[in-house]
Amino acid sequence: MDADARGALEALIRERREDYASLSRLLGRNSAYVQQFIKRGVPKKLDEEDRRTLARYFGVSEALLGGRDEEGETLISVPVLDVRASAGPGAFADDERTRSRMRFDPSWLRGLRLDPAQLSVIQVVGDSMSPTLDDGDDILVDRGDAAPGLRDGIYVLRLDGALNVKRLIVDRARGRVSVKSDNPAYTSWPTLELSRLDVIGRVVWAGRRLA
């Protein structure tokens, strides 16, 4: 759990363009305090008052930084980025705006071997991946699972300057990949070189509103 808190704090610092020394001074600590906590695990966990101060500063739940929520479970907060994927242009960069957050059970994330610092949620637009993914679905994207470990599955990638969600079928022996839309009405690319792909990350979860 402490590792989850360190990863969450590091992600917050990166997203908000903060720095270790300034946050350490905010806590009234020496300038290396936050960096040592994140990089070396010293101290093993945040002091309760330090955790409360950082949670208030970033506007997040203390549960994200290793505290307990009202139900006694520690949850991981993942940023929901203000970008969409599947049809039309988009981007997926460190400066994308976080419009909200979703909270996930850390034991579930660990079971999938997911690093919270590498996760983001974006929204699907269009029906090119229907019925697997529909317009308006939220998808959890693991940016830590991309090249060179590419394998068969659904990924977010850039194609022709647009952000897309597509199914990839990898032929690593030939260094090629098939890029497919689950909806047969849409274009697929049966033989592309792996080097041509700009892969953002693997889709590991999807959520949708039921009518």
C-alpha atoms as a PDB file:
ATOM      1  CA  MET A   1       0.000   0.000   0.000  1.00  0.00           C
ATOM      2  CA  ASP A   2       2.855   2.393   0.721  1.00  0.00           C
ATOM      3  CA  ALA A   3       4.124   1.764  -2.815  1.00  0.00           C
ATOM      4  CA  ASP A   4       0.672   2.746  -4.122  1.00  0.00           C
ATOM      5  CA  ALA A   5       0.827   6.000  -2.139  1.00  0.00           C
ATOM      6  CA  ARG A   6       4.301   6.786  -3.492  1.00  0.00           C
ATOM      7  CA  GLY A   7       3.190   6.112  -7.062  1.00  0.00           C
ATOM      8  CA  ALA A   8       0.062   8.231  -6.641  1.00  0.00           C
ATOM      9  CA  LEU A   9       2.026  11.144  -5.187  1.00  0.00           C
ATOM     10  CA  GLU A  10       4.605  10.949  -7.962  1.00  0.00           C
ATOM     11  CA  ALA A  11       1.814  10.983 -10.572  1.00  0.00           C
ATOM     12  CA  LEU A  12       0.231  14.038  -8.943  1.00  0.00           C
ATOM     13  CA  ILE A  13       3.556  15.870  -8.921  1.00  0.00           C
ATOM     14  CA  ARG A  14       4.085  15.107 -12.599  1.00  0.00           C
ATOM     15  CA  GLU A  15       0.530  16.035 -13.621  1.00  0.00           C
ATOM     16  CA  ARG A  16       0.537  19.336 -11.702  1.00  0.00           C
ATOM     17  CA  ARG A  17       4.145  20.169 -12.627  1.00  0.00           C
ATOM     18  CA  GLU A  18       5.195  20.482  -9.009  1.00  0.00           C
ATOM     19  CA  ASP A  19       8.649  19.688  -7.647  1.00  0.00           C
ATOM     20  CA  TYR A  20       9.873  17.640  -4.706  1.00  0.00           C
ATOM     21  CA  ALA A  21      11.689  20.449  -2.916  1.00  0.00           C
ATOM     22  CA  SER A  22       8.733  22.865  -2.941  1.00  0.00           C
ATOM     23  CA  LEU A  23       6.382  20.233  -1.553  1.00  0.00           C
ATOM     24  CA  SER A  24       8.913  19.325   1.123  1.00  0.00           C
ATOM     25  CA  ARG A  25       9.038  22.972   2.192  1.00  0.00           C
ATOM     26  CA  LEU A  26       5.230  23.040   2.232  1.00  0.00           C
ATOM     27  CA  LEU A  27       5.403  20.278   4.844  1.00  0.00           C
ATOM     28  CA  GLY A  28       8.082  22.088   6.818  1.00  0.00           C
ATOM     29  CA  ARG A  29      10.579  19.333   6.016  1.00  0.00           C
ATOM     30  CA  ASN A  30      14.066  19.323   4.517  1.00  0.00           C
ATOM     31  CA  SER A  31      14.133  19.808   0.743  1.00  0.00           C
ATOM     32  CA  ALA A  32      14.833  16.125  -0.003  1.00  0.00           C
ATOM     33  CA  TYR A  33      12.013  14.731   2.149  1.00  0.00           C
ATOM     34  CA  VAL A  34       9.381  14.113  -0.566  1.00  0.00           C
ATOM     35  CA  GLN A  35      11.922  12.787  -3.065  1.00  0.00           C
ATOM     36  CA  GLN A  36      13.281  10.312  -0.514  1.00  0.00           C
ATOM     37  CA  PHE A  37       9.770   9.134   0.307  1.00  0.00           C
ATOM     38  CA  ILE A  38       8.946   8.499  -3.354  1.00  0.00           C
ATOM     39  CA  LYS A  39      12.274   7.171  -4.622  1.00  0.00           C
ATOM     40  CA  ARG A  40      13.681   5.374  -1.556  1.00  0.00           C
ATOM     41  CA  GLY A  41      10.640   4.674   0.601  1.00  0.00           C
ATOM     42  CA  VAL A  42      12.023   6.742   3.489  1.00  0.00           C
ATOM     43  CA  PRO A  43       9.948   7.237   5.554  1.00  0.00           C
ATOM     44  CA  LYS A  44       7.942   4.063   4.923  1.00  0.00           C
ATOM     45  CA  LYS A  45       4.684   5.989   5.101  1.00  0.00           C
ATOM     46  CA  LEU A  46       3.645   9.610   5.263  1.00  0.00           C
ATOM     47  CA  ASP A  47       3.048  11.186   8.630  1.00  0.00           C
ATOM     48  CA  GLU A  48      -0.693  11.705   9.150  1.00  0.00           C
ATOM     49  CA  GLU A  49      -0.392  15.502   9.183  1.00  0.00           C
ATOM     50  CA  ASP A  50       1.864  15.475   6.090  1.00  0.00           C
ATOM     51  CA  ARG A  51      -0.627  13.269   4.257  1.00  0.00           C
ATOM     52  CA  ARG A  52      -3.497  15.573   5.198  1.00  0.00           C
ATOM     53  CA  THR A  53      -1.570  18.662   4.041  1.00  0.00           C
ATOM     54  CA  LEU A  54      -0.677  17.117   0.670  1.00  0.00           C
ATOM     55  CA  ALA A  55      -4.223  15.835   0.110  1.00  0.00           C
ATOM     56  CA  ARG A  56      -5.636  19.307   0.738  1.00  0.00           C
ATOM     57  CA  TYR A  57      -2.997  20.942  -1.448  1.00  0.00           C
ATOM     58  CA  PHE A  58      -3.716  18.664  -4.418  1.00  0.00           C
ATOM     59  CA  GLY A  59      -7.459  18.508  -3.761  1.00  0.00           C
ATOM     60  CA  VAL A  60      -7.594  14.709  -3.518  1.00  0.00           C
ATOM     61  CA  SER A  61      -8.760  12.175  -0.962  1.00  0.00           C
ATOM     62  CA  GLU A  62      -6.314  11.128   1.751  1.00  0.00           C
ATOM     63  CA  ALA A  63      -7.071   7.564   0.663  1.00  0.00           C
ATOM     64  CA  LEU A  64      -5.059   8.219  -2.503  1.00  0.00           C
ATOM     65  CA  LEU A  65      -1.976   8.932  -0.390  1.00  0.00           C
ATOM     66  CA  GLY A  66      -2.283   5.978   1.947  1.00  0.00           C
ATOM     67  CA  GLY A  67      -5.076   7.085   4.273  1.00  0.00           C
ATOM     68  CA  ARG A  68      -8.431   5.446   4.791  1.00  0.00           C
ATOM     69  CA  ASP A  69     -11.697   6.424   3.188  1.00  0.00           C
ATOM     70  CA  GLU A  70     -15.001   6.482   5.063  1.00  0.00           C
ATOM     71  CA  GLU A  71     -15.558   2.781   4.464  1.00  0.00           C
ATOM     72  CA  GLY A  72     -12.109   1.842   5.684  1.00  0.00           C
ATOM     73  CA  GLU A  73     -10.718   0.867   2.265  1.00  0.00           C
ATOM     74  CA  THR A  74      -7.790   2.541   0.611  1.00  0.00           C
ATOM     75  CA  LEU A  75      -8.590   3.383  -3.007  1.00  0.00           C
ATOM     76  CA  ILE A  76      -6.395   4.557  -5.869  1.00  0.00           C
ATOM     77  CA  SER A  77      -7.479   7.706  -7.704  1.00  0.00           C
ATOM     78  CA  VAL A  78      -6.800   7.656 -11.458  1.00  0.00           C
ATOM     79  CA  PRO A  79      -7.036  10.836 -13.587  1.00  0.00           C
ATOM     80  CA  VAL A  80      -9.792  11.091 -16.178  1.00  0.00           C
ATOM     81  CA  LEU A  81      -8.230  13.075 -19.015  1.00  0.00           C
ATOM     82  CA  ASP A  82     -10.099  15.550 -21.162  1.00  0.00           C
ATOM     83  CA  VAL A  83      -9.396  13.657 -24.385  1.00  0.00           C
ATOM     84  CA  ARG A  84     -11.373  11.204 -26.471  1.00  0.00           C
ATOM     85  CA  ALA A  85     -10.267   8.341 -28.681  1.00  0.00           C
ATOM     86  CA  SER A  86     -11.517   6.360 -31.672  1.00  0.00           C
ATOM     87  CA  ALA A  87     -12.627   8.995 -34.189  1.00  0.00           C
ATOM     88  CA  GLY A  88     -11.232  12.469 -34.765  1.00  0.00           C
ATOM     89  CA  PRO A  89      -7.992  14.118 -33.689  1.00  0.00           C
ATOM     90  CA  GLY A  90      -6.710  14.017 -30.151  1.00  0.00           C
ATOM     91  CA  ALA A  91      -3.642  13.902 -27.946  1.00  0.00           C
ATOM     92  CA  PHE A  92      -2.405  11.966 -24.968  1.00  0.00           C
ATOM     93  CA  ALA A  93       0.435  13.856 -23.334  1.00  0.00           C
ATOM     94  CA  ASP A  94       1.632  14.904 -19.913  1.00  0.00           C
ATOM     95  CA  ASP A  95       0.010  18.324 -20.284  1.00  0.00           C
ATOM     96  CA  GLU A  96      -3.503  17.004 -20.932  1.00  0.00           C
ATOM     97  CA  ARG A  97      -6.051  18.456 -18.523  1.00  0.00           C
ATOM     98  CA  THR A  98      -7.517  16.219 -15.832  1.00  0.00           C
ATOM     99  CA  ARG A  99     -11.266  16.790 -15.794  1.00  0.00           C
ATOM    100  CA  SER A 100     -12.120  14.380 -12.968  1.00  0.00           C
ATOM    101  CA  ARG A 101     -10.861  11.236 -11.251  1.00  0.00           C
ATOM    102  CA  MET A 102     -11.998   7.618 -10.879  1.00  0.00           C
ATOM    103  CA  ARG A 103     -11.139   5.493  -7.865  1.00  0.00           C
ATOM    104  CA  PHE A 104     -10.097   1.859  -8.160  1.00  0.00           C
ATOM    105  CA  ASP A 105      -9.498  -0.920  -5.652  1.00  0.00           C
ATOM    106  CA  PRO A 106      -5.700  -1.217  -5.244  1.00  0.00           C
ATOM    107  CA  SER A 107      -5.871  -4.985  -4.781  1.00  0.00           C
ATOM    108  CA  TRP A 108      -7.613  -5.244  -8.150  1.00  0.00           C
ATOM    109  CA  LEU A 109      -4.925  -3.096  -9.772  1.00  0.00           C
ATOM    110  CA  ARG A 110      -2.173  -5.186  -8.191  1.00  0.00           C
ATOM    111  CA  GLY A 111      -3.865  -8.365  -9.401  1.00  0.00           C
ATOM    112  CA  LEU A 112      -3.573  -7.034 -12.938  1.00  0.00           C
ATOM    113  CA  ARG A 113       0.022  -5.901 -12.262  1.00  0.00           C
ATOM    114  CA  LEU A 114      -0.852  -2.301 -13.056  1.00  0.00           C
ATOM    115  CA  ASP A 115       1.216   0.670 -11.931  1.00  0.00           C
ATOM    116  CA  PRO A 116      -1.173   3.469 -10.806  1.00  0.00           C
ATOM    117  CA  ALA A 117       1.285   6.110 -12.027  1.00  0.00           C
ATOM    118  CA  GLN A 118       0.899   4.743 -15.591  1.00  0.00           C
ATOM    119  CA  LEU A 119      -2.904   4.744 -15.669  1.00  0.00           C
ATOM    120  CA  SER A 120      -5.350   7.222 -17.156  1.00  0.00           C
ATOM    121  CA  VAL A 121      -9.015   7.109 -18.106  1.00  0.00           C
ATOM    122  CA  ILE A 122     -10.227   8.538 -21.419  1.00  0.00           C
ATOM    123  CA  GLN A 123     -13.524   8.406 -23.282  1.00  0.00           C
ATOM    124  CA  VAL A 124     -14.344   6.565 -26.495  1.00  0.00           C
ATOM    125  CA  VAL A 125     -16.096   8.489 -29.269  1.00  0.00           C
ATOM    126  CA  GLY A 126     -17.660   6.785 -32.264  1.00  0.00           C
ATOM    127  CA  ASP A 127     -18.588   3.165 -32.959  1.00  0.00           C
ATOM    128  CA  SER A 128     -15.561   1.805 -34.832  1.00  0.00           C
ATOM    129  CA  MET A 129     -14.952  -0.737 -32.023  1.00  0.00           C
ATOM    130  CA  SER A 130     -18.599  -1.684 -31.499  1.00  0.00           C
ATOM    131  CA  PRO A 131     -19.819  -3.979 -30.012  1.00  0.00           C
ATOM    132  CA  THR A 132     -16.698  -4.312 -27.841  1.00  0.00           C
ATOM    133  CA  LEU A 133     -16.523  -0.566 -27.082  1.00  0.00           C
ATOM    134  CA  ASP A 134     -19.309   1.923 -27.697  1.00  0.00           C
ATOM    135  CA  ASP A 135     -19.518   5.685 -28.027  1.00  0.00           C
ATOM    136  CA  GLY A 136     -19.207   7.293 -24.589  1.00  0.00           C
ATOM    137  CA  ASP A 137     -17.490   4.342 -22.879  1.00  0.00           C
ATOM    138  CA  ASP A 138     -14.754   5.151 -20.377  1.00  0.00           C
ATOM    139  CA  ILE A 139     -11.582   3.116 -20.840  1.00  0.00           C
ATOM    140  CA  LEU A 140      -8.663   2.577 -18.466  1.00  0.00           C
ATOM    141  CA  VAL A 141      -5.400   2.866 -20.400  1.00  0.00           C
ATOM    142  CA  ASP A 142      -2.102   1.420 -19.154  1.00  0.00           C
ATOM    143  CA  ARG A 143       0.662   3.548 -20.675  1.00  0.00           C
ATOM    144  CA  GLY A 144       3.221   1.140 -19.202  1.00  0.00           C
ATOM    145  CA  ASP A 145       2.019  -1.578 -21.583  1.00  0.00           C
ATOM    146  CA  ALA A 146       3.045  -0.463 -25.061  1.00  0.00           C
ATOM    147  CA  ALA A 147       6.069  -1.030 -27.287  1.00  0.00           C
ATOM    148  CA  PRO A 148       8.319  -3.001 -27.033  1.00  0.00           C
ATOM    149  CA  GLY A 149       6.061  -5.446 -25.170  1.00  0.00           C
ATOM    150  CA  LEU A 150       3.256  -5.154 -27.712  1.00  0.00           C
ATOM    151  CA  ARG A 151       0.954  -8.160 -27.927  1.00  0.00           C
ATOM    152  CA  ASP A 152      -2.523  -8.996 -29.198  1.00  0.00           C
ATOM    153  CA  GLY A 153      -5.175  -6.816 -27.592  1.00  0.00           C
ATOM    154  CA  ILE A 154      -6.966  -3.466 -27.699  1.00  0.00           C
ATOM    155  CA  TYR A 155      -4.740  -0.394 -27.644  1.00  0.00           C
ATOM    156  CA  VAL A 156      -4.919   3.374 -27.884  1.00  0.00           C
ATOM    157  CA  LEU A 157      -2.685   4.605 -30.701  1.00  0.00           C
ATOM    158  CA  ARG A 158      -2.257   7.446 -33.139  1.00  0.00           C
ATOM    159  CA  LEU A 159      -3.143   6.798 -36.759  1.00  0.00           C
ATOM    160  CA  ASP A 160      -2.910   9.533 -39.399  1.00  0.00           C
ATOM    161  CA  GLY A 161      -2.646  12.161 -36.675  1.00  0.00           C
ATOM    162  CA  ALA A 162      -5.778  11.006 -34.847  1.00  0.00           C
ATOM    163  CA  LEU A 163      -6.147   9.236 -31.529  1.00  0.00           C
ATOM    164  CA  ASN A 164      -7.790   5.835 -32.009  1.00  0.00           C
ATOM    165  CA  VAL A 165      -8.790   2.713 -30.141  1.00  0.00           C
ATOM    166  CA  LYS A 166      -8.081  -0.379 -32.230  1.00  0.00           C
ATOM    167  CA  ARG A 167      -7.502  -4.091 -31.896  1.00  0.00           C
ATOM    168  CA  LEU A 168      -3.920  -5.119 -32.652  1.00  0.00           C
ATOM    169  CA  ILE A 169      -2.859  -8.564 -33.848  1.00  0.00           C
ATOM    170  CA  VAL A 170       0.908  -8.803 -33.658  1.00  0.00           C
ATOM    171  CA  ASP A 171       3.132 -10.899 -35.886  1.00  0.00           C
ATOM    172  CA  ARG A 172       6.411 -10.334 -34.081  1.00  0.00           C
ATOM    173  CA  ALA A 173       8.332 -12.841 -36.198  1.00  0.00           C
ATOM    174  CA  ARG A 174       7.712 -10.686 -39.283  1.00  0.00           C
ATOM    175  CA  GLY A 175       7.794  -7.377 -37.422  1.00  0.00           C
ATOM    176  CA  ARG A 176       4.267  -6.603 -38.566  1.00  0.00           C
ATOM    177  CA  VAL A 177       0.909  -5.884 -37.001  1.00  0.00           C
ATOM    178  CA  SER A 178      -2.719  -5.897 -38.119  1.00  0.00           C
ATOM    179  CA  VAL A 179      -4.789  -2.930 -36.924  1.00  0.00           C
ATOM    180  CA  LYS A 180      -8.463  -3.827 -36.860  1.00  0.00           C
ATOM    181  CA  SER A 181     -11.806  -2.215 -36.088  1.00  0.00           C
ATOM    182  CA  ASP A 182     -14.246  -4.601 -34.383  1.00  0.00           C
ATOM    183  CA  ASN A 183     -17.016  -2.924 -36.370  1.00  0.00           C
ATOM    184  CA  PRO A 184     -16.647  -4.344 -39.923  1.00  0.00           C
ATOM    185  CA  ALA A 185     -18.043  -1.127 -41.407  1.00  0.00           C
ATOM    186  CA  TYR A 186     -14.772   0.631 -40.556  1.00  0.00           C
ATOM    187  CA  THR A 187     -11.323   0.493 -42.112  1.00  0.00           C
ATOM    188  CA  SER A 188      -8.691  -1.974 -40.956  1.00  0.00           C
ATOM    189  CA  TRP A 189      -4.972  -2.053 -41.769  1.00  0.00           C
ATOM    190  CA  PRO A 190      -3.955  -5.720 -42.276  1.00  0.00           C
ATOM    191  CA  THR A 191      -0.181  -5.325 -42.663  1.00  0.00           C
ATOM    192  CA  LEU A 192       1.684  -2.474 -41.017  1.00  0.00           C
ATOM    193  CA  GLU A 193       5.276  -2.484 -39.827  1.00  0.00           C
ATOM    194  CA  LEU A 194       5.577  -2.361 -36.042  1.00  0.00           C
ATOM    195  CA  SER A 195       7.920   0.610 -36.339  1.00  0.00           C
ATOM    196  CA  ARG A 196       5.139   2.679 -37.925  1.00  0.00           C
ATOM    197  CA  LEU A 197       2.865   2.461 -34.904  1.00  0.00           C
ATOM    198  CA  ASP A 198       2.667   5.197 -32.284  1.00  0.00           C
ATOM    199  CA  VAL A 199       1.200   3.154 -29.447  1.00  0.00           C
ATOM    200  CA  ILE A 200      -0.017   5.037 -26.359  1.00  0.00           C
ATOM    201  CA  GLY A 201      -1.083   2.152 -24.116  1.00  0.00           C
ATOM    202  CA  ARG A 202      -3.210  -0.931 -23.650  1.00  0.00           C
ATOM    203  CA  VAL A 203      -6.915  -0.803 -22.753  1.00  0.00           C
ATOM    204  CA  VAL A 204      -7.355  -2.884 -19.591  1.00  0.00           C
ATOM    205  CA  TRP A 205     -10.889  -1.972 -18.487  1.00  0.00           C
ATOM    206  CA  ALA A 206     -14.025  -0.342 -19.851  1.00  0.00           C
ATOM    207  CA  GLY A 207     -17.094   1.104 -18.157  1.00  0.00           C
ATOM    208  CA  ARG A 208     -20.333   2.275 -19.698  1.00  0.00           C
ATOM    209  CA  ARG A 209     -23.684   3.749 -18.809  1.00  0.00           C
ATOM    210  CA  LEU A 210     -26.608   1.366 -19.301  1.00  0.00           C
ATOM    211  CA  ALA A 211     -29.743   2.715 -20.953  1.00  0.00           C
END
